[in-house]
Amino acid sequence: MNITNNVNSAIVSGTIGIQRASNGITQNASNLAGLSAFSAPSRDPQEFLANATLNQLSAIKQTLPQASEGITSNLVGLSVNLTNAQASAKVVDTASGTVGTILDILA
């Protein structure tokens, strides 16, 4: 059995896990930021009424069942991705420690 390849695989797997978790965190944070974005009211009466109409339609849409992601799913996604990042970091840390132990034994 080749220990070097197994340790390298663990480090690569851990690193990929951290990258995927980071991408997920970025996506969930971006989704949350998009949900909370709003525009300042306009001084133009027609634009103000158009924005009010869009806001009312948006409020009505939120009362209907939706397949899109909301605040809850994005917060859960952040939590899951954080846990995945921590687990992947632990994999990299353990593999790194294993390399150190192997070097101590061989030295």
C-alpha atoms as a PDB file:
ATOM      1  CA  MET A   1       0.000   0.000   0.000  1.00  0.00           C
ATOM      2  CA  ASN A   2       1.347   3.394  -0.987  1.00  0.00           C
ATOM      3  CA  ILE A   3       0.838   5.753   1.978  1.00  0.00           C
ATOM      4  CA  THR A   4       2.032   8.809   0.045  1.00  0.00           C
ATOM      5  CA  ASN A   5      -0.800   8.572  -2.498  1.00  0.00           C
ATOM      6  CA  ASN A   6      -3.386   8.073   0.241  1.00  0.00           C
ATOM      7  CA  VAL A   7      -2.171  11.133   2.156  1.00  0.00           C
ATOM      8  CA  ASN A   8      -2.063  13.204  -1.042  1.00  0.00           C
ATOM      9  CA  SER A   9      -5.619  12.096  -1.869  1.00  0.00           C
ATOM     10  CA  ALA A  10      -6.791  13.136   1.588  1.00  0.00           C
ATOM     11  CA  ILE A  11      -5.167  16.560   1.261  1.00  0.00           C
ATOM     12  CA  VAL A  12      -6.634  17.073  -2.226  1.00  0.00           C
ATOM     13  CA  SER A  13     -10.092  15.905  -1.081  1.00  0.00           C
ATOM     14  CA  GLY A  14      -9.967  18.216   1.934  1.00  0.00           C
ATOM     15  CA  THR A  15      -8.866  21.165  -0.184  1.00  0.00           C
ATOM     16  CA  ILE A  16     -11.628  20.554  -2.738  1.00  0.00           C
ATOM     17  CA  GLY A  17     -14.142  20.307   0.125  1.00  0.00           C
ATOM     18  CA  ILE A  18     -12.997  23.664   1.498  1.00  0.00           C
ATOM     19  CA  GLN A  19     -13.281  25.255  -1.967  1.00  0.00           C
ATOM     20  CA  ARG A  20     -16.791  23.873  -2.502  1.00  0.00           C
ATOM     21  CA  ALA A  21     -17.892  25.032   0.943  1.00  0.00           C
ATOM     22  CA  SER A  22     -16.439  28.473   0.249  1.00  0.00           C
ATOM     23  CA  ASN A  23     -18.339  28.663  -3.043  1.00  0.00           C
ATOM     24  CA  GLY A  24     -21.540  27.619  -1.267  1.00  0.00           C
ATOM     25  CA  ILE A  25     -21.043  30.232   1.444  1.00  0.00           C
ATOM     26  CA  THR A  26     -20.470  32.895  -1.196  1.00  0.00           C
ATOM     27  CA  GLN A  27     -23.607  31.867  -3.099  1.00  0.00           C
ATOM     28  CA  ASN A  28     -25.808  31.757   0.021  1.00  0.00           C
ATOM     29  CA  ALA A  29     -24.491  35.122   1.228  1.00  0.00           C
ATOM     30  CA  SER A  30     -25.109  36.626  -2.208  1.00  0.00           C
ATOM     31  CA  ASN A  31     -28.663  35.240  -2.228  1.00  0.00           C
ATOM     32  CA  LEU A  32     -29.313  36.714   1.215  1.00  0.00           C
ATOM     33  CA  ALA A  33     -27.916  40.079   0.144  1.00  0.00           C
ATOM     34  CA  GLY A  34     -30.189  40.044  -2.894  1.00  0.00           C
ATOM     35  CA  LEU A  35     -33.232  39.329  -0.752  1.00  0.00           C
ATOM     36  CA  SER A  36     -32.584  42.308   1.489  1.00  0.00           C
ATOM     37  CA  ALA A  37     -31.781  44.826  -1.265  1.00  0.00           C
ATOM     38  CA  PHE A  38     -34.228  47.662  -1.755  1.00  0.00           C
ATOM     39  CA  SER A  39     -34.276  50.931  -3.669  1.00  0.00           C
ATOM     40  CA  ALA A  40     -34.804  54.429  -2.336  1.00  0.00           C
ATOM     41  CA  PRO A  41     -38.160  56.015  -3.145  1.00  0.00           C
ATOM     42  CA  SER A  42     -38.256  58.188  -6.221  1.00  0.00           C
ATOM     43  CA  ARG A  43     -39.468  61.787  -6.429  1.00  0.00           C
ATOM     44  CA  ASP A  44     -41.106  61.110  -9.798  1.00  0.00           C
ATOM     45  CA  PRO A  45     -44.796  60.238  -9.130  1.00  0.00           C
ATOM     46  CA  GLN A  46     -45.042  57.766 -12.017  1.00  0.00           C
ATOM     47  CA  GLU A  47     -41.872  55.941 -10.959  1.00  0.00           C
ATOM     48  CA  PHE A  48     -43.062  55.958  -7.341  1.00  0.00           C
ATOM     49  CA  LEU A  49     -46.403  54.388  -8.345  1.00  0.00           C
ATOM     50  CA  ALA A  50     -44.640  51.833 -10.574  1.00  0.00           C
ATOM     51  CA  ASN A  51     -42.348  50.839  -7.691  1.00  0.00           C
ATOM     52  CA  ALA A  52     -45.308  50.633  -5.306  1.00  0.00           C
ATOM     53  CA  THR A  53     -47.121  48.351  -7.762  1.00  0.00           C
ATOM     54  CA  LEU A  54     -44.046  46.129  -8.100  1.00  0.00           C
ATOM     55  CA  ASN A  55     -43.693  45.991  -4.315  1.00  0.00           C
ATOM     56  CA  GLN A  56     -47.339  44.960  -3.957  1.00  0.00           C
ATOM     57  CA  LEU A  57     -46.938  42.266  -6.613  1.00  0.00           C
ATOM     58  CA  SER A  58     -43.828  41.041  -4.841  1.00  0.00           C
ATOM     59  CA  ALA A  59     -45.688  40.886  -1.532  1.00  0.00           C
ATOM     60  CA  ILE A  60     -48.504  38.912  -3.148  1.00  0.00           C
ATOM     61  CA  LYS A  61     -46.004  36.569  -4.791  1.00  0.00           C
ATOM     62  CA  GLN A  62     -44.432  35.842  -1.398  1.00  0.00           C
ATOM     63  CA  THR A  63     -47.780  34.627  -0.033  1.00  0.00           C
ATOM     64  CA  LEU A  64     -48.007  32.009  -2.784  1.00  0.00           C
ATOM     65  CA  PRO A  65     -46.108  28.713  -2.571  1.00  0.00           C
ATOM     66  CA  GLN A  66     -42.658  29.151  -4.096  1.00  0.00           C
ATOM     67  CA  ALA A  67     -39.951  26.848  -5.335  1.00  0.00           C
ATOM     68  CA  SER A  68     -37.297  29.544  -5.062  1.00  0.00           C
ATOM     69  CA  GLU A  69     -34.907  29.794  -2.148  1.00  0.00           C
ATOM     70  CA  GLY A  70     -35.727  32.131   0.695  1.00  0.00           C
ATOM     71  CA  ILE A  71     -34.019  33.418   3.796  1.00  0.00           C
ATOM     72  CA  THR A  72     -34.417  30.161   5.727  1.00  0.00           C
ATOM     73  CA  SER A  73     -32.902  27.924   3.052  1.00  0.00           C
ATOM     74  CA  ASN A  74     -29.984  30.316   2.550  1.00  0.00           C
ATOM     75  CA  LEU A  75     -29.290  30.493   6.288  1.00  0.00           C
ATOM     76  CA  VAL A  76     -29.406  26.703   6.489  1.00  0.00           C
ATOM     77  CA  GLY A  77     -27.112  26.580   3.448  1.00  0.00           C
ATOM     78  CA  LEU A  78     -24.632  28.863   5.203  1.00  0.00           C
ATOM     79  CA  SER A  79     -24.669  26.612   8.256  1.00  0.00           C
ATOM     80  CA  VAL A  80     -24.221  23.444   6.203  1.00  0.00           C
ATOM     81  CA  ASN A  81     -21.384  24.942   4.188  1.00  0.00           C
ATOM     82  CA  LEU A  82     -19.681  26.144   7.366  1.00  0.00           C
ATOM     83  CA  THR A  83     -19.842  22.616   8.790  1.00  0.00           C
ATOM     84  CA  ASN A  84     -18.509  21.204   5.514  1.00  0.00           C
ATOM     85  CA  ALA A  85     -15.619  23.684   5.533  1.00  0.00           C
ATOM     86  CA  GLN A  86     -14.747  22.775   9.128  1.00  0.00           C
ATOM     87  CA  ALA A  87     -14.848  19.049   8.337  1.00  0.00           C
ATOM     88  CA  SER A  88     -12.689  19.512   5.243  1.00  0.00           C
ATOM     89  CA  ALA A  89     -10.195  21.594   7.206  1.00  0.00           C
ATOM     90  CA  LYS A  90     -10.003  18.788   9.761  1.00  0.00           C
ATOM     91  CA  VAL A  91      -9.268  16.302   6.949  1.00  0.00           C
ATOM     92  CA  VAL A  92      -6.423  18.506   5.680  1.00  0.00           C
ATOM     93  CA  ASP A  93      -5.106  18.974   9.220  1.00  0.00           C
ATOM     94  CA  THR A  94      -5.161  15.223   9.917  1.00  0.00           C
ATOM     95  CA  ALA A  95      -3.458  14.417   6.603  1.00  0.00           C
ATOM     96  CA  SER A  96      -0.832  17.061   7.298  1.00  0.00           C
ATOM     97  CA  GLY A  97      -0.213  15.580  10.741  1.00  0.00           C
ATOM     98  CA  THR A  98       0.125  12.153   9.163  1.00  0.00           C
ATOM     99  CA  VAL A  99       2.794  13.471   6.798  1.00  0.00           C
ATOM    100  CA  GLY A 100       4.655  14.919   9.787  1.00  0.00           C
ATOM    101  CA  THR A 101       4.483  11.587  11.609  1.00  0.00           C
ATOM    102  CA  ILE A 102       5.737   9.706   8.549  1.00  0.00           C
ATOM    103  CA  LEU A 103       8.647  12.117   8.196  1.00  0.00           C
ATOM    104  CA  ASP A 104       9.514  11.656  11.893  1.00  0.00           C
ATOM    105  CA  ILE A 105       9.481   7.875  11.493  1.00  0.00           C
ATOM    106  CA  LEU A 106      11.612   7.951   8.345  1.00  0.00           C
ATOM    107  CA  ALA A 107      14.124  10.418   9.771  1.00  0.00           C
END
